[in-house]
């Protein structure tokens, strides 16, 4: 988590024990790491987007993790997906 947010482990600990406040700019990244919306992170009820209940589909979870990778690795994954889709067509 510290690496994804670009902070030290000590900073994460400070967030956890409320010695420091989490910057607003870090909320989207934190929400993705926790696989929840920013609204949920802030204590708001989850908004239903597709009416489905239950856990997040595996593919969606994978894409959220891919979005945390460096740009070059994101492009590599995207290129692989494009290749598979082209071959299936």
C-alpha atoms as a PDB file:
ATOM      1  CA  UNK A   1       0.000   0.000   0.000  1.00  0.00           C
ATOM      2  CA  UNK A   2       2.809   2.381   0.892  1.00  0.00           C
ATOM      3  CA  UNK A   3       4.461   1.766  -2.469  1.00  0.00           C
ATOM      4  CA  UNK A   4       1.227   2.324  -4.419  1.00  0.00           C
ATOM      5  CA  UNK A   5       0.601   5.596  -2.569  1.00  0.00           C
ATOM      6  CA  UNK A   6       4.237   6.686  -2.918  1.00  0.00           C
ATOM      7  CA  UNK A   7       4.782   7.071   0.830  1.00  0.00           C
ATOM      8  CA  UNK A   8       6.757   5.282   3.523  1.00  0.00           C
ATOM      9  CA  UNK A   9       5.431   2.483   5.707  1.00  0.00           C
ATOM     10  CA  UNK A  10       5.727   4.875   8.663  1.00  0.00           C
ATOM     11  CA  UNK A  11       3.378   7.295   6.898  1.00  0.00           C
ATOM     12  CA  UNK A  12       0.840   4.494   6.403  1.00  0.00           C
ATOM     13  CA  UNK A  13       1.088   3.698  10.109  1.00  0.00           C
ATOM     14  CA  UNK A  14       0.481   7.380  10.895  1.00  0.00           C
ATOM     15  CA  UNK A  15      -2.658   7.276   8.732  1.00  0.00           C
ATOM     16  CA  UNK A  16      -3.851   4.129  10.498  1.00  0.00           C
ATOM     17  CA  UNK A  17      -3.508   5.597  13.987  1.00  0.00           C
ATOM     18  CA  UNK A  18      -4.850   9.015  12.905  1.00  0.00           C
ATOM     19  CA  UNK A  19      -1.618  10.916  13.564  1.00  0.00           C
ATOM     20  CA  UNK A  20      -1.694  12.150   9.968  1.00  0.00           C
ATOM     21  CA  UNK A  21      -4.504  12.751   7.538  1.00  0.00           C
ATOM     22  CA  UNK A  22      -4.603  11.016   4.198  1.00  0.00           C
ATOM     23  CA  UNK A  23      -4.319  13.589   1.383  1.00  0.00           C
ATOM     24  CA  UNK A  24      -7.429  13.897  -0.750  1.00  0.00           C
ATOM     25  CA  UNK A  25      -5.311  13.206  -3.826  1.00  0.00           C
ATOM     26  CA  UNK A  26      -4.517   9.721  -2.439  1.00  0.00           C
ATOM     27  CA  UNK A  27      -8.162   8.689  -2.013  1.00  0.00           C
ATOM     28  CA  UNK A  28      -8.745   7.336  -5.547  1.00  0.00           C
ATOM     29  CA  UNK A  29      -5.617   5.169  -5.352  1.00  0.00           C
ATOM     30  CA  UNK A  30      -6.531   3.961  -1.868  1.00  0.00           C
ATOM     31  CA  UNK A  31     -10.066   3.122  -2.992  1.00  0.00           C
ATOM     32  CA  UNK A  32      -8.721   1.092  -5.945  1.00  0.00           C
ATOM     33  CA  UNK A  33      -6.333  -0.780  -3.656  1.00  0.00           C
ATOM     34  CA  UNK A  34      -9.213  -1.671  -1.354  1.00  0.00           C
ATOM     35  CA  UNK A  35     -11.537  -2.452  -4.287  1.00  0.00           C
ATOM     36  CA  UNK A  36     -14.167   0.019  -3.096  1.00  0.00           C
ATOM     37  CA  UNK A  37     -15.451   3.351  -4.341  1.00  0.00           C
ATOM     38  CA  UNK A  38     -14.212   6.662  -2.965  1.00  0.00           C
ATOM     39  CA  UNK A  39     -17.767   7.185  -1.669  1.00  0.00           C
ATOM     40  CA  UNK A  40     -17.555   3.953   0.309  1.00  0.00           C
ATOM     41  CA  UNK A  41     -14.113   4.929   1.583  1.00  0.00           C
ATOM     42  CA  UNK A  42     -15.663   8.137   2.922  1.00  0.00           C
ATOM     43  CA  UNK A  43     -18.524   6.259   4.574  1.00  0.00           C
ATOM     44  CA  UNK A  44     -21.198   6.808   1.937  1.00  0.00           C
ATOM     45  CA  UNK A  45     -23.330   3.832   0.880  1.00  0.00           C
ATOM     46  CA  UNK A  46     -22.212   2.033  -2.249  1.00  0.00           C
ATOM     47  CA  UNK A  47     -23.931   3.085  -5.450  1.00  0.00           C
ATOM     48  CA  UNK A  48     -25.285   0.228  -7.505  1.00  0.00           C
ATOM     49  CA  UNK A  49     -24.184   0.660 -11.102  1.00  0.00           C
ATOM     50  CA  UNK A  50     -25.383  -2.577 -12.642  1.00  0.00           C
ATOM     51  CA  UNK A  51     -27.852  -3.898 -10.098  1.00  0.00           C
ATOM     52  CA  UNK A  52     -25.764  -7.002  -9.471  1.00  0.00           C
ATOM     53  CA  UNK A  53     -24.979  -8.141  -5.959  1.00  0.00           C
ATOM     54  CA  UNK A  54     -22.029 -10.064  -4.655  1.00  0.00           C
ATOM     55  CA  UNK A  55     -18.281  -9.855  -5.070  1.00  0.00           C
ATOM     56  CA  UNK A  56     -16.597  -7.920  -7.822  1.00  0.00           C
ATOM     57  CA  UNK A  57     -16.039 -10.072 -10.906  1.00  0.00           C
ATOM     58  CA  UNK A  58     -12.512 -11.428 -11.189  1.00  0.00           C
ATOM     59  CA  UNK A  59     -11.827  -9.633 -14.488  1.00  0.00           C
ATOM     60  CA  UNK A  60     -12.794  -6.283 -12.971  1.00  0.00           C
ATOM     61  CA  UNK A  61     -10.524  -6.921  -9.972  1.00  0.00           C
ATOM     62  CA  UNK A  62      -7.674  -7.790 -12.326  1.00  0.00           C
ATOM     63  CA  UNK A  63      -8.200  -4.617 -14.362  1.00  0.00           C
ATOM     64  CA  UNK A  64      -8.168  -2.538 -11.183  1.00  0.00           C
ATOM     65  CA  UNK A  65      -4.837  -4.132 -10.227  1.00  0.00           C
ATOM     66  CA  UNK A  66      -3.483  -3.521 -13.743  1.00  0.00           C
ATOM     67  CA  UNK A  67      -4.386   0.167 -13.370  1.00  0.00           C
ATOM     68  CA  UNK A  68      -1.912   0.338 -10.471  1.00  0.00           C
ATOM     69  CA  UNK A  69       0.992  -0.943 -12.583  1.00  0.00           C
ATOM     70  CA  UNK A  70       3.533   1.374 -14.231  1.00  0.00           C
ATOM     71  CA  UNK A  71       2.407   2.704 -17.635  1.00  0.00           C
ATOM     72  CA  UNK A  72       4.776   0.445 -19.598  1.00  0.00           C
ATOM     73  CA  UNK A  73       3.356  -2.673 -17.949  1.00  0.00           C
ATOM     74  CA  UNK A  74      -0.210  -1.394 -18.450  1.00  0.00           C
ATOM     75  CA  UNK A  75       0.531  -1.013 -22.167  1.00  0.00           C
ATOM     76  CA  UNK A  76       1.996  -4.532 -22.300  1.00  0.00           C
ATOM     77  CA  UNK A  77      -1.171  -5.988 -20.732  1.00  0.00           C
ATOM     78  CA  UNK A  78      -3.364  -3.918 -23.048  1.00  0.00           C
ATOM     79  CA  UNK A  79      -1.437  -5.107 -26.114  1.00  0.00           C
ATOM     80  CA  UNK A  80      -1.797  -8.721 -24.991  1.00  0.00           C
ATOM     81  CA  UNK A  81      -5.565  -8.298 -24.545  1.00  0.00           C
ATOM     82  CA  UNK A  82      -5.857  -6.674 -27.985  1.00  0.00           C
ATOM     83  CA  UNK A  83      -3.962  -9.592 -29.539  1.00  0.00           C
ATOM     84  CA  UNK A  84      -6.223 -12.186 -27.910  1.00  0.00           C
ATOM     85  CA  UNK A  85      -9.359 -10.314 -28.987  1.00  0.00           C
ATOM     86  CA  UNK A  86      -8.080 -10.013 -32.585  1.00  0.00           C
ATOM     87  CA  UNK A  87      -7.277 -13.727 -32.697  1.00  0.00           C
ATOM     88  CA  UNK A  88     -10.762 -14.599 -31.399  1.00  0.00           C
ATOM     89  CA  UNK A  89     -12.467 -12.498 -34.079  1.00  0.00           C
END
